[in-house]
Amino acid sequence: MANPSAKILTLSALIAAASTGVSAQDHTAEINLGIGRILFGNDLDDTNNYHLGLGLPISDRWTLEVVANEYDADAQETGVDVRGTQYRLDALYHFGDDQSWRPYAAFGAGDQRLSPEGGDPSHETLLNAGLGLKNRFARNWEWRTDVRLFNSLDEEYTDVVFSTGISFLFGAGETRRATPAPEPVAAPTVIEEADSDGDGVLDSKDKCPGTARQYKVDSEGCVLKLTETVSINLAVKFDTNSAVVKEEYMSDIRDLATFMNQYENTQVTVEGHTDSSGADAYNKTLSQRRANSVRDVLIQRMNIEADRVTAVGFGEERPVADNNTVEGREQNRRVVGAVSTRITVNETRD
């Protein structure tokens, strides 16, 4: 078997020869320190390994590396400690142009020395091949990981090795590729002003872009506002000498509550009235009870806040029909309320 020192000299000579005529790269050289895990194909127990490598880029995609690798493992049958030392020359081919994440393929050859404790050392020639990935996380620093197969030409077994490590890149960023010639400048193109939202105001003057087309806008493209009054009326009728709210009026009271919930700044005064039957004082009290009944429905069943509802009884003081007729007295036995508020809405196109 050839002397391992001679193999190391041969590998170094190959590196030196490959450096002749190397073009300027992203970096000039790199040193790599890493660890790994060896899954042996022979009679050694799996173990960790440590490696140190020196790399030389020879083109955009190719790098040559000299690697020294060392590990300690136990023989499976005897338990004897075996120290392994490798020296090899590898070639790495990189895929793609992205320097941040770059996959690569690796292959190479070298010498392995196995030194069992208390025994004579032996040498083997190893071939290796595998795939890996590099990540440039800083200008001069790179993380890499790969998995490789190592085949012994002498003993005909194959190891699997997983490794990871950190590389320092010498001269990274100091050389640059030639700047390409600038593209010819095209003649300026005259662009007509646009009205992107179709509101009739050009984009250059539109201070409210994206306005919906159904709204009227001013000269700056902003929606015109319209203030208007909205209102709702309530009228609840009662039987003679009764303050009970009939179920048939619940939907009308619910409509009033919905209106008040929609416009939260509103308040309502419900006014109770009677016909002229009975004494004035009794009618005053009855009208107040009727107003209170409607107020209680709004608060307790419709969940309107109590401070937004006021109840007032007017007795027979404000008739709306003739108390001398049955129909008139029916019209006068009532509770009424009205709510209105001013709102601002967007003005729409015709």
Protein backbone atom coordinates (compact mmCIF):
# COMPACT_ATOMS: atom_id res chain seq x y z
CA MET A 1 0.00 0.00 0.00
CA ALA A 2 1.35 3.46 -0.83
CA ASN A 3 2.72 5.62 2.01
CA PRO A 4 -0.05 7.98 3.33
CA SER A 5 2.39 10.90 3.38
CA ALA A 6 2.88 10.44 -0.35
CA LYS A 7 -0.88 10.51 -0.85
CA ILE A 8 -1.18 13.77 1.07
CA LEU A 9 1.57 15.32 -1.09
CA THR A 10 -0.25 14.13 -4.21
CA LEU A 11 -3.53 15.69 -3.09
CA SER A 12 -1.82 18.98 -2.29
CA ALA A 13 -0.15 18.98 -5.70
CA LEU A 14 -3.51 18.49 -7.39
CA ILE A 15 -4.93 21.49 -5.50
CA ALA A 16 -2.01 23.65 -6.51
CA ALA A 17 -2.29 22.57 -10.14
CA ALA A 18 -6.03 23.31 -10.21
CA SER A 19 -5.43 26.83 -8.88
CA THR A 20 -3.50 27.79 -12.04
CA GLY A 21 -5.61 30.21 -14.06
CA VAL A 22 -8.47 30.39 -11.50
CA SER A 23 -10.82 33.26 -12.33
CA ALA A 24 -12.05 35.77 -9.73
CA GLN A 25 -14.81 34.17 -7.59
CA ASP A 26 -17.18 35.25 -4.83
CA HIS A 27 -14.36 34.29 -2.43
CA THR A 28 -10.75 33.15 -2.83
CA ALA A 29 -10.56 30.26 -0.33
CA GLU A 30 -12.45 28.71 2.55
CA ILE A 31 -11.74 26.73 5.69
CA ASN A 32 -14.33 24.34 7.11
CA LEU A 33 -14.64 22.84 10.59
CA GLY A 34 -17.35 20.29 11.30
CA ILE A 35 -18.64 17.19 13.06
CA GLY A 36 -20.55 14.17 11.85
CA ARG A 37 -21.91 10.72 12.54
CA ILE A 38 -20.50 7.58 10.88
CA LEU A 39 -22.72 4.55 10.30
CA PHE A 40 -20.11 1.86 9.63
CA GLY A 41 -20.54 -0.93 7.11
CA ASN A 42 -17.74 -3.00 8.66
CA ASP A 43 -17.27 -4.43 12.17
CA LEU A 44 -16.93 -1.05 14.00
CA ASP A 45 -19.57 0.54 16.23
CA ASP A 46 -21.14 3.76 14.91
CA THR A 47 -19.40 6.87 16.20
CA ASN A 48 -18.90 10.63 15.84
CA ASN A 49 -16.18 12.18 13.72
CA TYR A 50 -14.47 15.55 13.38
CA HIS A 51 -13.13 17.10 10.22
CA LEU A 52 -11.12 20.09 9.02
CA GLY A 53 -11.14 21.13 5.37
CA LEU A 54 -9.45 23.68 3.13
CA GLY A 55 -11.30 24.60 -0.05
CA LEU A 56 -10.38 26.45 -3.22
CA PRO A 57 -13.09 27.68 -5.65
CA ILE A 58 -11.99 27.11 -9.24
CA SER A 59 -15.14 28.40 -10.99
CA ASP A 60 -18.65 29.62 -10.22
CA ARG A 61 -19.78 26.05 -9.60
CA TRP A 62 -16.67 23.97 -8.77
CA THR A 63 -14.66 23.85 -5.53
CA LEU A 64 -11.77 21.54 -4.65
CA GLU A 65 -11.22 20.60 -0.99
CA VAL A 66 -8.48 18.88 1.02
CA VAL A 67 -10.06 17.30 4.10
CA ALA A 68 -8.60 15.74 7.26
CA ASN A 69 -11.02 13.58 9.27
CA GLU A 70 -10.57 11.76 12.59
CA TYR A 71 -12.68 9.47 14.80
CA ASP A 72 -12.48 6.86 17.58
CA ALA A 73 -14.62 3.70 17.40
CA ASP A 74 -14.86 0.35 19.15
CA ALA A 75 -14.56 -2.98 17.35
CA GLN A 76 -17.87 -4.84 17.70
CA GLU A 77 -16.46 -8.27 18.53
CA THR A 78 -13.44 -7.39 20.67
CA GLY A 79 -14.28 -3.93 22.04
CA VAL A 80 -10.79 -2.72 21.05
CA ASP A 81 -10.55 1.02 20.50
CA VAL A 82 -9.72 1.90 16.89
CA ARG A 83 -8.61 5.37 15.83
CA GLY A 84 -9.43 6.30 12.25
CA THR A 85 -7.72 9.07 10.31
CA GLN A 86 -8.67 10.13 6.78
CA TYR A 87 -7.01 12.45 4.28
CA ARG A 88 -8.87 13.00 1.04
CA LEU A 89 -9.39 15.29 -1.95
CA ASP A 90 -13.01 16.17 -2.77
CA ALA A 91 -14.68 18.04 -5.61
CA LEU A 92 -17.93 19.96 -5.00
CA TYR A 93 -20.32 20.95 -7.79
CA HIS A 94 -22.84 23.66 -6.84
CA PHE A 95 -26.32 24.01 -8.33
CA GLY A 96 -28.06 27.32 -9.02
CA ASP A 97 -26.85 30.91 -8.59
CA ASP A 98 -28.47 31.82 -5.25
CA GLN A 99 -25.64 32.33 -2.74
CA SER A 100 -28.04 32.22 0.26
CA TRP A 101 -29.16 28.58 -0.15
CA ARG A 102 -27.14 26.43 -2.55
CA PRO A 103 -27.30 22.64 -2.94
CA TYR A 104 -24.25 20.74 -4.10
CA ALA A 105 -22.98 17.32 -5.12
CA ALA A 106 -19.67 16.03 -3.74
CA PHE A 107 -17.31 13.22 -4.67
CA GLY A 108 -13.69 12.40 -3.97
CA ALA A 109 -11.02 9.91 -2.96
CA GLY A 110 -8.48 9.52 -0.18
CA ASP A 111 -6.56 7.41 2.29
CA GLN A 112 -7.87 6.01 5.59
CA ARG A 113 -5.57 4.82 8.37
CA LEU A 114 -7.05 2.48 11.01
CA SER A 115 -4.98 2.17 14.21
CA PRO A 116 -6.29 -0.42 16.71
CA GLU A 117 -5.10 -0.04 20.28
CA GLY A 118 -2.15 -2.37 20.79
CA GLY A 119 -2.15 -3.50 17.14
CA ASP A 120 -0.61 -2.61 13.78
CA PRO A 121 -2.20 0.14 11.69
CA SER A 122 -3.64 -0.53 8.26
CA HIS A 123 -4.49 1.67 5.27
CA GLU A 124 -7.45 1.70 2.89
CA THR A 125 -8.34 3.71 -0.20
CA LEU A 126 -11.80 5.30 0.08
CA LEU A 127 -14.07 6.71 -2.61
CA ASN A 128 -16.93 8.98 -1.52
CA ALA A 129 -19.99 10.63 -3.11
CA GLY A 130 -23.01 12.49 -1.71
CA LEU A 131 -25.31 15.52 -1.67
CA GLY A 132 -25.31 18.60 0.54
CA LEU A 133 -26.67 22.09 1.16
CA LYS A 134 -24.94 25.39 1.99
CA ASN A 135 -26.39 28.52 3.60
CA ARG A 136 -24.56 31.87 3.48
CA PHE A 137 -25.76 33.51 6.73
CA ALA A 138 -23.14 36.30 6.71
CA ARG A 139 -20.73 37.74 4.14
CA ASN A 140 -17.78 35.59 5.28
CA TRP A 141 -19.61 32.75 7.04
CA GLU A 142 -21.38 29.71 5.67
CA TRP A 143 -23.18 26.72 7.22
CA ARG A 144 -23.14 23.42 5.36
CA THR A 145 -24.45 19.90 5.80
CA ASP A 146 -24.25 16.77 3.66
CA VAL A 147 -24.67 13.02 3.58
CA ARG A 148 -22.15 10.78 1.82
CA LEU A 149 -21.33 7.17 1.06
CA PHE A 150 -17.70 6.05 1.67
CA ASN A 151 -16.65 2.87 -0.12
CA SER A 152 -13.47 0.99 0.70
CA LEU A 153 -11.77 -0.33 -2.45
CA ASP A 154 -9.64 -2.65 -0.32
CA GLU A 155 -12.18 -4.18 2.06
CA GLU A 156 -15.36 -3.80 -0.04
CA TYR A 157 -17.69 -2.22 2.54
CA THR A 158 -19.61 1.09 2.51
CA ASP A 159 -20.05 3.62 5.35
CA VAL A 160 -22.78 6.29 5.54
CA VAL A 161 -21.66 9.63 7.00
CA PHE A 162 -23.86 12.58 8.04
CA SER A 163 -21.94 15.80 8.67
CA THR A 164 -22.46 19.48 9.38
CA GLY A 165 -20.05 22.35 9.83
CA ILE A 166 -19.18 26.03 9.60
CA SER A 167 -16.98 27.58 6.90
CA PHE A 168 -15.09 30.87 6.90
CA LEU A 169 -14.75 32.38 3.42
CA PHE A 170 -11.59 34.33 2.67
CA GLY A 171 -11.96 37.38 0.42
CA ALA A 172 -15.75 37.20 0.25
CA GLY A 173 -17.20 40.35 -1.28
CA GLU A 174 -13.81 41.77 -2.30
CA THR A 175 -14.10 40.84 -5.97
CA ARG A 176 -17.02 41.69 -8.18
CA ARG A 177 -18.19 40.53 -11.52
CA ALA A 178 -17.98 42.84 -14.44
CA THR A 179 -20.89 45.28 -14.55
CA PRO A 180 -23.05 44.57 -17.59
CA ALA A 181 -23.55 47.31 -20.13
CA PRO A 182 -26.62 49.42 -19.38
CA GLU A 183 -29.75 48.69 -21.33
CA PRO A 184 -30.64 51.24 -24.02
CA VAL A 185 -32.99 53.86 -22.68
CA ALA A 186 -36.30 53.84 -24.51
CA ALA A 187 -37.88 57.08 -25.61
CA PRO A 188 -40.32 58.44 -23.02
CA THR A 189 -43.92 57.40 -23.58
CA VAL A 190 -46.67 59.91 -23.14
CA ILE A 191 -49.26 58.45 -20.79
CA GLU A 192 -52.75 59.85 -20.67
CA GLU A 193 -54.02 60.67 -17.20
CA ALA A 194 -56.37 58.06 -15.81
CA ASP A 195 -59.51 58.13 -13.70
CA SER A 196 -59.07 54.77 -11.97
CA ASP A 197 -62.25 54.83 -9.89
CA GLY A 198 -64.44 56.31 -12.64
CA ASP A 199 -65.78 59.16 -10.50
CA GLY A 200 -65.03 61.84 -13.11
CA VAL A 201 -61.94 63.24 -11.33
CA LEU A 202 -58.45 62.48 -12.72
CA ASP A 203 -56.13 60.49 -10.46
CA SER A 204 -53.69 63.40 -10.17
CA LYS A 205 -56.44 65.54 -8.56
CA ASP A 206 -58.34 62.78 -6.75
CA LYS A 207 -57.86 63.08 -2.98
CA CYS A 208 -60.26 60.20 -2.29
CA PRO A 209 -59.21 57.36 -4.62
CA GLY A 210 -61.28 54.20 -4.82
CA THR A 211 -64.66 55.93 -4.42
CA ALA A 212 -67.61 53.69 -5.32
CA ARG A 213 -69.24 54.77 -8.56
CA GLN A 214 -72.77 55.15 -7.16
CA TYR A 215 -71.80 58.21 -5.08
CA LYS A 216 -71.63 61.86 -6.14
CA VAL A 217 -68.23 63.50 -5.60
CA ASP A 218 -66.83 67.02 -5.37
CA SER A 219 -64.02 68.49 -7.50
CA GLU A 220 -61.42 66.61 -5.41
CA GLY A 221 -63.08 63.23 -5.86
CA CYS A 222 -64.52 62.98 -2.33
CA VAL A 223 -68.09 61.85 -1.64
CA LEU A 224 -70.69 64.56 -1.16
CA LYS A 225 -72.55 64.31 2.14
CA LEU A 226 -76.30 64.81 2.65
CA THR A 227 -77.89 65.56 6.03
CA GLU A 228 -81.47 64.40 6.51
CA THR A 229 -83.99 63.73 9.26
CA VAL A 230 -85.26 60.22 10.01
CA SER A 231 -88.17 59.55 12.37
CA ILE A 232 -90.65 56.98 13.65
CA ASN A 233 -94.04 57.33 15.37
CA LEU A 234 -95.78 55.05 17.85
CA ALA A 235 -99.49 54.82 18.67
CA VAL A 236 -100.85 52.23 21.13
CA LYS A 237 -104.62 51.98 21.86
CA PHE A 238 -106.11 50.76 25.16
CA ASP A 239 -109.40 49.31 26.33
CA THR A 240 -111.65 51.36 28.62
CA ASN A 241 -110.20 51.76 32.13
CA SER A 242 -107.19 49.54 31.18
CA ALA A 243 -103.39 50.08 31.17
CA VAL A 244 -102.55 46.68 29.69
CA VAL A 245 -100.58 46.81 26.40
CA LYS A 246 -102.26 44.56 23.85
CA GLU A 247 -100.13 41.95 22.06
CA GLU A 248 -101.21 43.38 18.69
CA TYR A 249 -99.09 46.50 19.37
CA MET A 250 -95.88 44.64 20.30
CA SER A 251 -94.56 44.72 16.73
CA ASP A 252 -95.02 48.53 16.60
CA ILE A 253 -93.14 48.91 19.91
CA ARG A 254 -90.43 46.58 18.60
CA ASP A 255 -90.03 48.78 15.48
CA LEU A 256 -89.51 51.79 17.76
CA ALA A 257 -86.88 49.86 19.77
CA THR A 258 -85.07 48.81 16.58
CA PHE A 259 -84.97 52.44 15.46
CA MET A 260 -83.52 53.53 18.81
CA ASN A 261 -80.89 50.78 18.71
CA GLN A 262 -79.88 51.90 15.22
CA TYR A 263 -79.51 55.52 16.33
CA GLU A 264 -78.04 55.27 19.80
CA ASN A 265 -78.18 59.01 20.54
CA THR A 266 -81.99 59.06 20.48
CA GLN A 267 -84.45 59.30 23.38
CA VAL A 268 -88.24 59.00 23.48
CA THR A 269 -91.06 60.40 25.61
CA VAL A 270 -94.15 58.20 25.63
CA GLU A 271 -97.32 60.20 26.34
CA GLY A 272 -100.37 58.58 27.96
CA HIS A 273 -103.93 59.86 27.32
CA THR A 274 -107.53 58.96 28.24
CA ASP A 275 -111.02 59.79 27.06
CA SER A 276 -113.29 62.05 29.14
CA SER A 277 -114.98 59.22 31.02
CA GLY A 278 -114.34 59.39 34.75
CA ALA A 279 -112.93 62.05 37.05
CA ASP A 280 -110.00 64.24 35.98
CA ALA A 281 -107.68 62.99 38.75
CA TYR A 282 -108.44 59.35 37.99
CA ASN A 283 -107.83 59.91 34.28
CA LYS A 284 -104.51 61.60 35.06
CA THR A 285 -103.38 58.55 37.02
CA LEU A 286 -104.68 56.12 34.38
CA SER A 287 -102.85 57.94 31.59
CA GLN A 288 -99.61 57.77 33.60
CA ARG A 289 -100.09 54.02 34.13
CA ARG A 290 -100.61 53.54 30.38
CA ALA A 291 -97.42 55.50 29.57
CA ASN A 292 -95.52 53.51 32.19
CA SER A 293 -96.77 50.22 30.66
CA VAL A 294 -95.33 51.10 27.24
CA ARG A 295 -92.11 52.31 28.88
CA ASP A 296 -91.80 49.00 30.76
CA VAL A 297 -92.17 47.03 27.49
CA LEU A 298 -89.39 49.08 25.86
CA ILE A 299 -87.05 48.59 28.81
CA GLN A 300 -87.85 45.08 30.00
CA ARG A 301 -88.72 43.29 26.76
CA MET A 302 -86.91 45.37 24.13
CA ASN A 303 -83.76 46.08 26.22
CA ILE A 304 -83.76 49.84 25.74
CA GLU A 305 -81.79 51.69 28.44
CA ALA A 306 -84.10 53.18 31.11
CA ASP A 307 -82.54 56.65 30.91
CA ARG A 308 -83.56 56.88 27.25
CA VAL A 309 -87.32 56.46 27.88
CA THR A 310 -89.55 58.97 29.70
CA ALA A 311 -93.25 58.37 30.47
CA VAL A 312 -95.73 61.25 30.98
CA GLY A 313 -99.49 61.06 31.58
CA PHE A 314 -101.75 63.91 30.36
CA GLY A 315 -105.15 62.47 31.37
CA GLU A 316 -108.00 63.78 29.23
CA GLU A 317 -106.31 67.14 28.51
CA ARG A 318 -105.29 66.46 24.87
CA PRO A 319 -108.04 64.66 22.96
CA VAL A 320 -107.55 63.95 19.26
CA ALA A 321 -111.18 63.02 18.56
CA ASP A 322 -114.70 63.79 19.82
CA ASN A 323 -115.32 62.29 23.27
CA ASN A 324 -119.09 62.32 22.60
CA THR A 325 -118.79 59.31 20.26
CA VAL A 326 -117.66 55.75 20.85
CA GLU A 327 -115.14 55.97 18.00
CA GLY A 328 -113.77 59.26 19.30
CA ARG A 329 -113.28 57.98 22.84
CA GLU A 330 -111.47 54.91 21.42
CA GLN A 331 -109.06 57.20 19.57
CA ASN A 332 -108.37 59.19 22.74
CA ARG A 333 -107.46 56.13 24.90
CA ARG A 334 -103.88 56.01 23.66
CA VAL A 335 -100.13 56.19 24.27
CA VAL A 336 -98.11 57.93 21.59
CA GLY A 337 -94.42 58.54 21.05
CA ALA A 338 -92.20 59.96 18.36
CA VAL A 339 -88.41 59.77 17.78
CA SER A 340 -86.41 61.67 15.19
CA THR A 341 -82.73 62.37 14.56
CA ARG A 342 -80.47 64.02 12.00
CA ILE A 343 -78.12 61.72 10.07
CA THR A 344 -75.44 62.24 7.43
CA VAL A 345 -75.40 59.92 4.41
CA ASN A 346 -73.44 59.69 1.17
CA GLU A 347 -75.23 61.39 -1.70
CA THR A 348 -75.90 58.96 -4.55
CA ARG A 349 -76.04 59.60 -8.26
CA ASP A 350 -79.41 59.83 -9.97
